[in-house]
Amino acid sequence: MSPAEEERSLPLPERWPRASKFALSACAAAVAELVTFPLDLTKTRLQIQGEAAVRRDGAAAGRAVPYRGMLRTAAGIAQEEGVWKLWQGATPAVYRHLVYTGVRMVTYEHLRDSVLGRVEEESFPLWKSVVGGMSAGAIGQFFASPTDLVKVQMQMEGKRKLEGKPLRFRGVHHAFLKILSEGGVRGLWAGWVPNVQRAALVNMGDLTTYDSVKQFLLLNTTLVDNSVTHTVSSACSGLVAAVLGTPADVVKTRIMNQPRDKQGRGQLYKSSMNCLIQTVQGEGFMSLYKGFIPTWMRMAPWSLVFWLTYEQIRRVCGVTSF
């Protein structure tokens, strides 16, 4: 058998390992995103409420805040807009994760195994895992930033309708085209800086924590590489990711949702740092953790569903465990 014929006879995961891992992680992420999306929508609405810059601008002067907590926000959306509106923006969210999760998972494994030199059956230095996690998250989010922008803006459409404002988009593709026509290609990457910052922090919590906890359990306890180990590791990663990522997520959401002029420049915030300063000065430090509970409640099951699904899909397809 010639080398070419021998290569064609290999299973797909061995012939195209990175492409296979990209596809498997994207599938697992899509499942996790659809299951936990209502919590993401609730979190986004909470992060926009009481925005000091909007009050100062006069756009919401005298308008009462309709929802004040996670449960009341979710219940209000379901009652006033319809239950299915809890999944408004889910399509671009799935698009985002197909790109974001696929890129970040492949990038992290490549950095960990080929660049940072992890050795099997040996502990992996935490600082290397942090570098790999933050780098993978930043790279993945940069490529996925346009889909995240559309997701955030579509999640706010129901609120605009209740406030008597005209809807901005007819659907996902119309949203992409409108943003592109109004702000150009650059407009699709509006808010990418806080987006990338958030992703770096979230992945330092998610990828780094999951990988580190899993390796610690396998090397220092009697647990083996099974669903119990994956569950414990994912629970830890979801909590750490929520703590590290929520402040940057608040800033990202506000920058992406703010009105823009004809040149695509934000009318409320000049930069992510400006948004951070205005938010803390106008609403207090804890405003950076608006939406923390739904963020955590979403990240915990998201992490659990994703990692369990991803590890099982890898095993079924003959790919080594993460």
Foldseek 3Di string as FASTA:
>chain_A
DDPVVVLVPDAPCVNPVLVVLLQLLLVLLLVLCVVQQLLVLLLLLLLPPPQLLCCVVVVQPPPDGQDDDSVRSSVCCCVVPNNCLSCFLVVLVSVLSSQLRSQLVSQLVCCVPPVQNDDPLDARDLVSLLVSQLVSQLVSLQVSQLSVLLSLQRSCQSVCVVVVHDGDAPDSVRSSVVQCVQANPVSSCFLSVLRSVLSSQLSSLARSQLVNQLSCCCNPHPDDPDLVSQLVSLQRSLVSSLVRRQLSVSLSSPRSNADADSNSQGPRARHSVRSSVSCCVRPNPCSSCRSSVSSSVSSSSSSSSSSNSSQVVCVVSVHDGD
